[in-house]
Amino acid sequence: MNFVISANAGRRLDEILSAARARWGEARAQAYIRALFAYFERVAARETLWRQIPTDFGVEGFYGQCENHSVYWRGLSDGRIGIVAILPRRRHPIGRFGDDAEI
């Protein structure tokens, strides 16, 4: 695997799965999580657009959209990608990125 998921992003995935189960049922919730993991793989393979987080936020990294979520990542010294935050797209999540940015 060419990516690692931070503890904070892992907790967000658990929350997303729980909410999706309640809203859509088990099958669709699992499909949604699989779509997120497929996106992580595409990011790590550099098969998706990497948008740099604006320097105004004081955080180095990149972001993209997957389904109803914004995914934030950074390159790690070992060449892997660190998935550091997964936040709902409906809010302005980039301001919250710094709170979740630890790998």
PDB file of N, CA and C in Angstrom:
ATOM      1  N   MET A   1       0.854  -1.175   0.000  1.00  0.00           N
ATOM      2  CA  MET A   1       0.000   0.000   0.000  1.00  0.00           C
ATOM      3  C   MET A   1       0.900   1.238   0.000  1.00  0.00           C
ATOM      4  N   ASN A   2       0.620   2.155  -0.891  1.00  0.00           N
ATOM      5  CA  ASN A   2       1.442   3.355  -1.024  1.00  0.00           C
ATOM      6  C   ASN A   2       0.882   4.551  -0.271  1.00  0.00           C
ATOM      7  N   PHE A   3      -0.022   4.294   0.655  1.00  0.00           N
ATOM      8  CA  PHE A   3      -0.540   5.384   1.474  1.00  0.00           C
ATOM      9  C   PHE A   3      -0.729   4.885   2.899  1.00  0.00           C
ATOM     10  N   VAL A   4      -0.762   5.850   3.795  1.00  0.00           N
ATOM     11  CA  VAL A   4      -1.024   5.571   5.202  1.00  0.00           C
ATOM     12  C   VAL A   4      -2.120   6.531   5.648  1.00  0.00           C
ATOM     13  N   ILE A   5      -2.976   6.060   6.527  1.00  0.00           N
ATOM     14  CA  ILE A   5      -4.081   6.873   7.021  1.00  0.00           C
ATOM     15  C   ILE A   5      -3.775   7.304   8.441  1.00  0.00           C
ATOM     16  N   SER A   6      -3.814   8.601   8.701  1.00  0.00           N
ATOM     17  CA  SER A   6      -3.549   9.112  10.049  1.00  0.00           C
ATOM     18  C   SER A   6      -4.632   8.638  11.011  1.00  0.00           C
ATOM     19  N   ALA A   7      -4.327   8.700  12.287  1.00  0.00           N
ATOM     20  CA  ALA A   7      -5.307   8.305  13.305  1.00  0.00           C
ATOM     21  C   ALA A   7      -6.573   9.147  13.197  1.00  0.00           C
ATOM     22  N   ASN A   8      -6.420  10.447  12.992  1.00  0.00           N
ATOM     23  CA  ASN A   8      -7.591  11.322  12.861  1.00  0.00           C
ATOM     24  C   ASN A   8      -8.419  10.965  11.626  1.00  0.00           C
ATOM     25  N   ALA A   9      -7.749  10.708  10.507  1.00  0.00           N
ATOM     26  CA  ALA A   9      -8.478  10.329   9.292  1.00  0.00           C
ATOM     27  C   ALA A   9      -9.149   8.967   9.485  1.00  0.00           C
ATOM     28  N   GLY A  10      -8.504   8.070  10.215  1.00  0.00           N
ATOM     29  CA  GLY A  10      -9.114   6.774  10.506  1.00  0.00           C
ATOM     30  C   GLY A  10     -10.387   6.914  11.318  1.00  0.00           C
ATOM     31  N   ARG A  11     -10.357   7.810  12.291  1.00  0.00           N
ATOM     32  CA  ARG A  11     -11.575   8.073  13.083  1.00  0.00           C
ATOM     33  C   ARG A  11     -12.673   8.656  12.204  1.00  0.00           C
ATOM     34  N   ARG A  12     -12.299   9.529  11.297  1.00  0.00           N
ATOM     35  CA  ARG A  12     -13.286  10.107  10.376  1.00  0.00           C
ATOM     36  C   ARG A  12     -13.902   9.017   9.497  1.00  0.00           C
ATOM     37  N   LEU A  13     -13.081   8.084   9.035  1.00  0.00           N
ATOM     38  CA  LEU A  13     -13.614   6.978   8.228  1.00  0.00           C
ATOM     39  C   LEU A  13     -14.637   6.170   9.018  1.00  0.00           C
ATOM     40  N   ASP A  14     -14.332   5.918  10.294  1.00  0.00           N
ATOM     41  CA  ASP A  14     -15.288   5.199  11.146  1.00  0.00           C
ATOM     42  C   ASP A  14     -16.600   5.976  11.259  1.00  0.00           C
ATOM     43  N   GLU A  15     -16.503   7.295  11.441  1.00  0.00           N
ATOM     44  CA  GLU A  15     -17.697   8.139  11.543  1.00  0.00           C
ATOM     45  C   GLU A  15     -18.486   8.134  10.227  1.00  0.00           C
ATOM     46  N   ILE A  16     -17.768   8.202   9.120  1.00  0.00           N
ATOM     47  CA  ILE A  16     -18.414   8.197   7.805  1.00  0.00           C
ATOM     48  C   ILE A  16     -19.148   6.877   7.602  1.00  0.00           C
ATOM     49  N   LEU A  17     -18.504   5.773   7.941  1.00  0.00           N
ATOM     50  CA  LEU A  17     -19.129   4.463   7.784  1.00  0.00           C
ATOM     51  C   LEU A  17     -20.381   4.348   8.640  1.00  0.00           C
ATOM     52  N   SER A  18     -20.293   4.784   9.871  1.00  0.00           N
ATOM     53  CA  SER A  18     -21.442   4.715  10.775  1.00  0.00           C
ATOM     54  C   SER A  18     -22.613   5.552  10.252  1.00  0.00           C
ATOM     55  N   ALA A  19     -22.326   6.768   9.823  1.00  0.00           N
ATOM     56  CA  ALA A  19     -23.378   7.647   9.301  1.00  0.00           C
ATOM     57  C   ALA A  19     -23.969   7.082   8.012  1.00  0.00           C
ATOM     58  N   ALA A  20     -23.120   6.540   7.154  1.00  0.00           N
ATOM     59  CA  ALA A  20     -23.601   5.975   5.899  1.00  0.00           C
ATOM     60  C   ALA A  20     -24.479   4.751   6.146  1.00  0.00           C
ATOM     61  N   ARG A  21     -24.109   3.918   7.113  1.00  0.00           N
ATOM     62  CA  ARG A  21     -24.946   2.760   7.454  1.00  0.00           C
ATOM     63  C   ARG A  21     -26.333   3.213   7.895  1.00  0.00           C
ATOM     64  N   ALA A  22     -26.362   4.238   8.749  1.00  0.00           N
ATOM     65  CA  ALA A  22     -27.641   4.728   9.269  1.00  0.00           C
ATOM     66  C   ALA A  22     -28.492   5.333   8.153  1.00  0.00           C
ATOM     67  N   ARG A  23     -27.837   5.975   7.220  1.00  0.00           N
ATOM     68  CA  ARG A  23     -28.575   6.671   6.158  1.00  0.00           C
ATOM     69  C   ARG A  23     -28.954   5.759   4.997  1.00  0.00           C
ATOM     70  N   TRP A  24     -28.023   4.895   4.584  1.00  0.00           N
ATOM     71  CA  TRP A  24     -28.191   4.146   3.347  1.00  0.00           C
ATOM     72  C   TRP A  24     -28.278   2.632   3.524  1.00  0.00           C
ATOM     73  N   GLY A  25     -27.859   2.117   4.664  1.00  0.00           N
ATOM     74  CA  GLY A  25     -27.782   0.664   4.840  1.00  0.00           C
ATOM     75  C   GLY A  25     -26.373   0.156   4.616  1.00  0.00           C
ATOM     76  N   GLU A  26     -26.151  -1.093   5.012  1.00  0.00           N
ATOM     77  CA  GLU A  26     -24.803  -1.679   5.013  1.00  0.00           C
ATOM     78  C   GLU A  26     -24.164  -1.746   3.624  1.00  0.00           C
ATOM     79  N   ALA A  27     -24.879  -2.237   2.644  1.00  0.00           N
ATOM     80  CA  ALA A  27     -24.278  -2.435   1.316  1.00  0.00           C
ATOM     81  C   ALA A  27     -23.793  -1.119   0.712  1.00  0.00           C
ATOM     82  N   ARG A  28     -24.623  -0.116   0.763  1.00  0.00           N
ATOM     83  CA  ARG A  28     -24.231   1.177   0.172  1.00  0.00           C
ATOM     84  C   ARG A  28     -23.132   1.845   1.002  1.00  0.00           C
ATOM     85  N   ALA A  29     -23.174   1.675   2.325  1.00  0.00           N
ATOM     86  CA  ALA A  29     -22.123   2.236   3.185  1.00  0.00           C
ATOM     87  C   ALA A  29     -20.767   1.616   2.839  1.00  0.00           C
ATOM     88  N   GLN A  30     -20.738   0.301   2.666  1.00  0.00           N
ATOM     89  CA  GLN A  30     -19.485  -0.372   2.302  1.00  0.00           C
ATOM     90  C   GLN A  30     -18.992   0.087   0.928  1.00  0.00           C
ATOM     91  N   ALA A  31     -19.907   0.275  -0.001  1.00  0.00           N
ATOM     92  CA  ALA A  31     -19.534   0.752  -1.332  1.00  0.00           C
ATOM     93  C   ALA A  31     -18.927   2.152  -1.250  1.00  0.00           C
ATOM     94  N   TYR A  32     -19.481   2.991  -0.389  1.00  0.00           N
ATOM     95  CA  TYR A  32     -18.972   4.354  -0.220  1.00  0.00           C
ATOM     96  C   TYR A  32     -17.542   4.328   0.334  1.00  0.00           C
ATOM     97  N   ILE A  33     -17.324   3.499   1.340  1.00  0.00           N
ATOM     98  CA  ILE A  33     -15.974   3.389   1.930  1.00  0.00           C
ATOM     99  C   ILE A  33     -14.995   2.827   0.898  1.00  0.00           C
ATOM    100  N   ARG A  34     -15.425   1.838   0.125  1.00  0.00           N
ATOM    101  CA  ARG A  34     -14.555   1.305  -0.924  1.00  0.00           C
ATOM    102  C   ARG A  34     -14.194   2.393  -1.943  1.00  0.00           C
ATOM    103  N   ALA A  35     -15.145   3.260  -2.257  1.00  0.00           N
ATOM    104  CA  ALA A  35     -14.870   4.366  -3.190  1.00  0.00           C
ATOM    105  C   ALA A  35     -13.814   5.308  -2.616  1.00  0.00           C
ATOM    106  N   LEU A  36     -13.890   5.584  -1.324  1.00  0.00           N
ATOM    107  CA  LEU A  36     -12.870   6.432  -0.694  1.00  0.00           C
ATOM    108  C   LEU A  36     -11.492   5.770  -0.767  1.00  0.00           C
ATOM    109  N   PHE A  37     -11.421   4.478  -0.451  1.00  0.00           N
ATOM    110  CA  PHE A  37     -10.134   3.783  -0.502  1.00  0.00           C
ATOM    111  C   PHE A  37      -9.594   3.708  -1.934  1.00  0.00           C
ATOM    112  N   ALA A  38     -10.470   3.553  -2.908  1.00  0.00           N
ATOM    113  CA  ALA A  38     -10.035   3.567  -4.305  1.00  0.00           C
ATOM    114  C   ALA A  38      -9.461   4.939  -4.657  1.00  0.00           C
ATOM    115  N   TYR A  39     -10.067   5.984  -4.115  1.00  0.00           N
ATOM    116  CA  TYR A  39      -9.544   7.337  -4.340  1.00  0.00           C
ATOM    117  C   TYR A  39      -8.161   7.484  -3.708  1.00  0.00           C
ATOM    118  N   PHE A  40      -7.982   6.979  -2.491  1.00  0.00           N
ATOM    119  CA  PHE A  40      -6.664   7.035  -1.845  1.00  0.00           C
ATOM    120  C   PHE A  40      -5.618   6.350  -2.724  1.00  0.00           C
ATOM    121  N   GLU A  41      -5.980   5.213  -3.298  1.00  0.00           N
ATOM    122  CA  GLU A  41      -5.066   4.483  -4.186  1.00  0.00           C
ATOM    123  C   GLU A  41      -4.717   5.329  -5.414  1.00  0.00           C
ATOM    124  N   ARG A  42      -5.720   5.994  -5.993  1.00  0.00           N
ATOM    125  CA  ARG A  42      -5.465   6.850  -7.162  1.00  0.00           C
ATOM    126  C   ARG A  42      -4.566   8.029  -6.798  1.00  0.00           C
ATOM    127  N   VAL A  43      -4.772   8.590  -5.615  1.00  0.00           N
ATOM    128  CA  VAL A  43      -3.901   9.682  -5.157  1.00  0.00           C
ATOM    129  C   VAL A  43      -2.470   9.167  -5.042  1.00  0.00           C
ATOM    130  N   ALA A  44      -2.301   8.037  -4.379  1.00  0.00           N
ATOM    131  CA  ALA A  44      -0.958   7.482  -4.172  1.00  0.00           C
ATOM    132  C   ALA A  44      -0.277   7.121  -5.485  1.00  0.00           C
ATOM    133  N   ALA A  45      -1.066   6.720  -6.479  1.00  0.00           N
ATOM    134  CA  ALA A  45      -0.520   6.384  -7.799  1.00  0.00           C
ATOM    135  C   ALA A  45      -0.371   7.618  -8.689  1.00  0.00           C
ATOM    136  N   ARG A  46      -0.709   8.763  -8.156  1.00  0.00           N
ATOM    137  CA  ARG A  46      -0.659  10.037  -8.891  1.00  0.00           C
ATOM    138  C   ARG A  46      -1.551  10.008 -10.126  1.00  0.00           C
ATOM    139  N   GLU A  47      -2.709   9.393  -9.972  1.00  0.00           N
ATOM    140  CA  GLU A  47      -3.676   9.283 -11.071  1.00  0.00           C
ATOM    141  C   GLU A  47      -4.843  10.248 -10.917  1.00  0.00           C
ATOM    142  N   THR A  48      -4.729  11.174 -10.002  1.00  0.00           N
ATOM    143  CA  THR A  48      -5.776  12.163  -9.793  1.00  0.00           C
ATOM    144  C   THR A  48      -5.128  13.535  -9.637  1.00  0.00           C
ATOM    145  N   LEU A  49      -5.921  14.556  -9.794  1.00  0.00           N
ATOM    146  CA  LEU A  49      -5.428  15.922  -9.680  1.00  0.00           C
ATOM    147  C   LEU A  49      -5.030  16.240  -8.247  1.00  0.00           C
ATOM    148  N   TRP A  50      -3.847  16.783  -8.078  1.00  0.00           N
ATOM    149  CA  TRP A  50      -3.367  17.218  -6.761  1.00  0.00           C
ATOM    150  C   TRP A  50      -3.498  18.735  -6.702  1.00  0.00           C
ATOM    151  N   ARG A  51      -4.428  19.222  -5.906  1.00  0.00           N
ATOM    152  CA  ARG A  51      -4.582  20.670  -5.720  1.00  0.00           C
ATOM    153  C   ARG A  51      -3.848  21.052  -4.442  1.00  0.00           C
ATOM    154  N   GLN A  52      -2.972  22.024  -4.546  1.00  0.00           N
ATOM    155  CA  GLN A  52      -2.220  22.451  -3.367  1.00  0.00           C
ATOM    156  C   GLN A  52      -3.113  23.264  -2.444  1.00  0.00           C
ATOM    157  N   ILE A  53      -2.995  23.005  -1.161  1.00  0.00           N
ATOM    158  CA  ILE A  53      -3.727  23.796  -0.171  1.00  0.00           C
ATOM    159  C   ILE A  53      -3.157  25.211  -0.213  1.00  0.00           C
ATOM    160  N   PRO A  54      -4.004  26.222  -0.314  1.00  0.00           N
ATOM    161  CA  PRO A  54      -3.501  27.602  -0.367  1.00  0.00           C
ATOM    162  C   PRO A  54      -2.596  27.915   0.825  1.00  0.00           C
ATOM    163  N   THR A  55      -1.519  28.630   0.556  1.00  0.00           N
ATOM    164  CA  THR A  55      -0.556  28.949   1.605  1.00  0.00           C
ATOM    165  C   THR A  55      -1.156  29.794   2.719  1.00  0.00           C
ATOM    166  N   ASP A  56      -2.265  30.480   2.458  1.00  0.00           N
ATOM    167  CA  ASP A  56      -2.932  31.291   3.484  1.00  0.00           C
ATOM    168  C   ASP A  56      -3.306  30.467   4.713  1.00  0.00           C
ATOM    169  N   PHE A  57      -3.500  29.161   4.532  1.00  0.00           N
ATOM    170  CA  PHE A  57      -3.925  28.319   5.643  1.00  0.00           C
ATOM    171  C   PHE A  57      -2.759  27.844   6.502  1.00  0.00           C
ATOM    172  N   GLY A  58      -1.526  28.071   6.061  1.00  0.00           N
ATOM    173  CA  GLY A  58      -0.364  27.721   6.866  1.00  0.00           C
ATOM    174  C   GLY A  58      -0.146  26.219   7.027  1.00  0.00           C
ATOM    175  N   VAL A  59      -0.688  25.438   6.108  1.00  0.00           N
ATOM    176  CA  VAL A  59      -0.548  23.982   6.161  1.00  0.00           C
ATOM    177  C   VAL A  59      -0.080  23.517   4.795  1.00  0.00           C
ATOM    178  N   GLU A  60       0.964  22.687   4.784  1.00  0.00           N
ATOM    179  CA  GLU A  60       1.441  22.155   3.520  1.00  0.00           C
ATOM    180  C   GLU A  60       0.713  20.862   3.198  1.00  0.00           C
ATOM    181  N   GLY A  61       0.264  20.733   1.966  1.00  0.00           N
ATOM    182  CA  GLY A  61      -0.403  19.519   1.553  1.00  0.00           C
ATOM    183  C   GLY A  61      -1.258  19.760   0.327  1.00  0.00           C
ATOM    184  N   PHE A  62      -2.065  18.749   0.032  1.00  0.00           N
ATOM    185  CA  PHE A  62      -2.880  18.752  -1.163  1.00  0.00           C
ATOM    186  C   PHE A  62      -4.286  18.296  -0.811  1.00  0.00           C
ATOM    187  N   TYR A  63      -5.217  18.533  -1.737  1.00  0.00           N
ATOM    188  CA  TYR A  63      -6.586  18.100  -1.482  1.00  0.00           C
ATOM    189  C   TYR A  63      -7.273  17.759  -2.791  1.00  0.00           C
ATOM    190  N   GLY A  64      -8.361  17.007  -2.652  1.00  0.00           N
ATOM    191  CA  GLY A  64      -9.197  16.651  -3.784  1.00  0.00           C
ATOM    192  C   GLY A  64     -10.565  16.244  -3.277  1.00  0.00           C
ATOM    193  N   GLN A  65     -11.466  16.000  -4.200  1.00  0.00           N
ATOM    194  CA  GLN A  65     -12.842  15.649  -3.856  1.00  0.00           C
ATOM    195  C   GLN A  65     -13.118  14.193  -4.209  1.00  0.00           C
ATOM    196  N   CYS A  66     -13.790  13.517  -3.302  1.00  0.00           N
ATOM    197  CA  CYS A  66     -14.238  12.151  -3.550  1.00  0.00           C
ATOM    198  C   CYS A  66     -15.630  12.005  -2.958  1.00  0.00           C
ATOM    199  N   GLU A  67     -16.576  11.712  -3.817  1.00  0.00           N
ATOM    200  CA  GLU A  67     -17.954  11.573  -3.369  1.00  0.00           C
ATOM    201  C   GLU A  67     -18.370  12.861  -2.654  1.00  0.00           C
ATOM    202  N   ASN A  68     -18.857  12.760  -1.421  1.00  0.00           N
ATOM    203  CA  ASN A  68     -19.315  13.927  -0.661  1.00  0.00           C
ATOM    204  C   ASN A  68     -18.274  14.433   0.331  1.00  0.00           C
ATOM    205  N   HIS A  69     -17.010  14.072   0.115  1.00  0.00           N
ATOM    206  CA  HIS A  69     -15.969  14.446   1.064  1.00  0.00           C
ATOM    207  C   HIS A  69     -14.770  15.088   0.371  1.00  0.00           C
ATOM    208  N   SER A  70     -14.105  15.929   1.116  1.00  0.00           N
ATOM    209  CA  SER A  70     -12.825  16.492   0.699  1.00  0.00           C
ATOM    210  C   SER A  70     -11.751  15.676   1.400  1.00  0.00           C
ATOM    211  N   VAL A  71     -10.752  15.254   0.632  1.00  0.00           N
ATOM    212  CA  VAL A  71      -9.664  14.446   1.160  1.00  0.00           C
ATOM    213  C   VAL A  71      -8.396  15.291   1.119  1.00  0.00           C
ATOM    214  N   TYR A  72      -7.658  15.282   2.212  1.00  0.00           N
ATOM    215  CA  TYR A  72      -6.418  16.060   2.333  1.00  0.00           C
ATOM    216  C   TYR A  72      -5.266  15.104   2.581  1.00  0.00           C
ATOM    217  N   TRP A  73      -4.130  15.373   1.927  1.00  0.00           N
ATOM    218  CA  TRP A  73      -2.970  14.496   2.078  1.00  0.00           C
ATOM    219  C   TRP A  73      -1.689  15.289   1.921  1.00  0.00           C
ATOM    220  N   ARG A  74      -0.605  14.612   2.264  1.00  0.00           N
ATOM    221  CA  ARG A  74       0.731  15.168   2.058  1.00  0.00           C
ATOM    222  C   ARG A  74       1.669  14.036   1.708  1.00  0.00           C
ATOM    223  N   GLY A  75       2.752  14.386   1.057  1.00  0.00           N
ATOM    224  CA  GLY A  75       3.784  13.403   0.760  1.00  0.00           C
ATOM    225  C   GLY A  75       4.617  13.152   1.999  1.00  0.00           C
ATOM    226  N   LEU A  76       4.976  11.909   2.236  1.00  0.00           N
ATOM    227  CA  LEU A  76       5.791  11.539   3.391  1.00  0.00           C
ATOM    228  C   LEU A  76       7.228  11.287   2.946  1.00  0.00           C
ATOM    229  N   SER A  77       8.161  11.356   3.872  1.00  0.00           N
ATOM    230  CA  SER A  77       9.582  11.215   3.544  1.00  0.00           C
ATOM    231  C   SER A  77       9.919   9.849   2.960  1.00  0.00           C
ATOM    232  N   ASP A  78       9.110   8.834   3.235  1.00  0.00           N
ATOM    233  CA  ASP A  78       9.380   7.496   2.694  1.00  0.00           C
ATOM    234  C   ASP A  78       8.756   7.273   1.321  1.00  0.00           C
ATOM    235  N   GLY A  79       8.168   8.329   0.735  1.00  0.00           N
ATOM    236  CA  GLY A  79       7.587   8.239  -0.596  1.00  0.00           C
ATOM    237  C   GLY A  79       6.107   7.903  -0.610  1.00  0.00           C
ATOM    238  N   ARG A  80       5.577   7.481   0.532  1.00  0.00           N
ATOM    239  CA  ARG A  80       4.145   7.194   0.589  1.00  0.00           C
ATOM    240  C   ARG A  80       3.367   8.489   0.743  1.00  0.00           C
ATOM    241  N   ILE A  81       2.057   8.362   0.623  1.00  0.00           N
ATOM    242  CA  ILE A  81       1.143   9.487   0.801  1.00  0.00           C
ATOM    243  C   ILE A  81       0.485   9.325   2.168  1.00  0.00           C
ATOM    244  N   GLY A  82       0.405  10.393   2.907  1.00  0.00           N
ATOM    245  CA  GLY A  82      -0.283  10.388   4.191  1.00  0.00           C
ATOM    246  C   GLY A  82      -1.655  11.021   4.045  1.00  0.00           C
ATOM    247  N   ILE A  83      -2.707  10.218   4.212  1.00  0.00           N
ATOM    248  CA  ILE A  83      -4.072  10.749   4.199  1.00  0.00           C
ATOM    249  C   ILE A  83      -4.297  11.341   5.583  1.00  0.00           C
ATOM    250  N   VAL A  84      -4.441  12.658   5.664  1.00  0.00           N
ATOM    251  CA  VAL A  84      -4.473  13.303   6.975  1.00  0.00           C
ATOM    252  C   VAL A  84      -5.840  13.799   7.402  1.00  0.00           C
ATOM    253  N   ALA A  85      -6.740  13.995   6.466  1.00  0.00           N
ATOM    254  CA  ALA A  85      -8.078  14.472   6.844  1.00  0.00           C
ATOM    255  C   ALA A  85      -9.078  14.089   5.764  1.00  0.00           C
ATOM    256  N   ILE A  86     -10.286  13.768   6.213  1.00  0.00           N
ATOM    257  CA  ILE A  86     -11.413  13.475   5.341  1.00  0.00           C
ATOM    258  C   ILE A  86     -12.588  14.228   5.946  1.00  0.00           C
ATOM    259  N   LEU A  87     -12.991  15.282   5.272  1.00  0.00           N
ATOM    260  CA  LEU A  87     -13.992  16.178   5.840  1.00  0.00           C
ATOM    261  C   LEU A  87     -15.170  16.355   4.886  1.00  0.00           C
ATOM    262  N   PRO A  88     -16.347  16.592   5.423  1.00  0.00           N
ATOM    263  CA  PRO A  88     -17.527  16.785   4.564  1.00  0.00           C
ATOM    264  C   PRO A  88     -17.348  17.968   3.629  1.00  0.00           C
ATOM    265  N   ARG A  89     -17.762  17.808   2.403  1.00  0.00           N
ATOM    266  CA  ARG A  89     -17.640  18.875   1.414  1.00  0.00           C
ATOM    267  C   ARG A  89     -18.625  20.002   1.656  1.00  0.00           C
ATOM    268  N   ARG A  90     -19.738  19.722   2.290  1.00  0.00           N
ATOM    269  CA  ARG A  90     -20.809  20.720   2.427  1.00  0.00           C
ATOM    270  C   ARG A  90     -20.408  21.895   3.309  1.00  0.00           C
ATOM    271  N   ARG A  91     -19.444  21.720   4.177  1.00  0.00           N
ATOM    272  CA  ARG A  91     -18.934  22.825   4.988  1.00  0.00           C
ATOM    273  C   ARG A  91     -17.629  23.296   4.375  1.00  0.00           C
ATOM    274  N   HIS A  92     -17.108  24.385   4.870  1.00  0.00           N
ATOM    275  CA  HIS A  92     -15.814  24.856   4.386  1.00  0.00           C
ATOM    276  C   HIS A  92     -14.739  24.161   5.214  1.00  0.00           C
ATOM    277  N   PRO A  93     -14.329  22.963   4.812  1.00  0.00           N
ATOM    278  CA  PRO A  93     -13.481  22.152   5.671  1.00  0.00           C
ATOM    279  C   PRO A  93     -12.022  22.554   5.736  1.00  0.00           C
ATOM    280  N   ILE A  94     -11.541  23.314   4.787  1.00  0.00           N
ATOM    281  CA  ILE A  94     -10.110  23.561   4.750  1.00  0.00           C
ATOM    282  C   ILE A  94      -9.616  24.274   6.011  1.00  0.00           C
ATOM    283  N   GLY A  95     -10.439  25.080   6.623  1.00  0.00           N
ATOM    284  CA  GLY A  95     -10.049  25.740   7.865  1.00  0.00           C
ATOM    285  C   GLY A  95      -9.859  24.768   9.017  1.00  0.00           C
ATOM    286  N   ARG A  96     -10.481  23.588   8.932  1.00  0.00           N
ATOM    287  CA  ARG A  96     -10.352  22.573   9.969  1.00  0.00           C
ATOM    288  C   ARG A  96      -9.204  21.622   9.706  1.00  0.00           C
ATOM    289  N   PHE A  97      -8.582  21.722   8.549  1.00  0.00           N
ATOM    290  CA  PHE A  97      -7.535  20.782   8.163  1.00  0.00           C
ATOM    291  C   PHE A  97      -6.397  20.752   9.171  1.00  0.00           C
ATOM    292  N   GLY A  98      -5.969  21.901   9.639  1.00  0.00           N
ATOM    293  CA  GLY A  98      -4.844  21.970  10.566  1.00  0.00           C
ATOM    294  C   GLY A  98      -5.061  21.148  11.833  1.00  0.00           C
ATOM    295  N   ASP A  99      -6.287  21.033  12.293  1.00  0.00           N
ATOM    296  CA  ASP A  99      -6.585  20.243  13.484  1.00  0.00           C
ATOM    297  C   ASP A  99      -6.384  18.760  13.243  1.00  0.00           C
ATOM    298  N   ASP A 100      -6.551  18.313  12.011  1.00  0.00           N
ATOM    299  CA  ASP A 100      -6.475  16.893  11.684  1.00  0.00           C
ATOM    300  C   ASP A 100      -5.186  16.506  10.985  1.00  0.00           C
ATOM    301  N   ALA A 101      -4.246  17.398  10.853  1.00  0.00           N
ATOM    302  CA  ALA A 101      -3.109  17.211   9.956  1.00  0.00           C
ATOM    303  C   ALA A 101      -1.988  16.342  10.490  1.00  0.00           C
ATOM    304  N   GLU A 102      -2.103  15.741  11.625  1.00  0.00           N
ATOM    305  CA  GLU A 102      -1.032  14.916  12.177  1.00  0.00           C
ATOM    306  C   GLU A 102      -1.060  13.505  11.597  1.00  0.00           C
ATOM    307  N   ILE A 103       0.085  12.998  11.236  1.00  0.00           N
ATOM    308  CA  ILE A 103       0.227  11.602  10.776  1.00  0.00           C
ATOM    309  C   ILE A 103       0.709  10.780  11.945  1.00  0.00           C
TER     310      ILE A 103
END
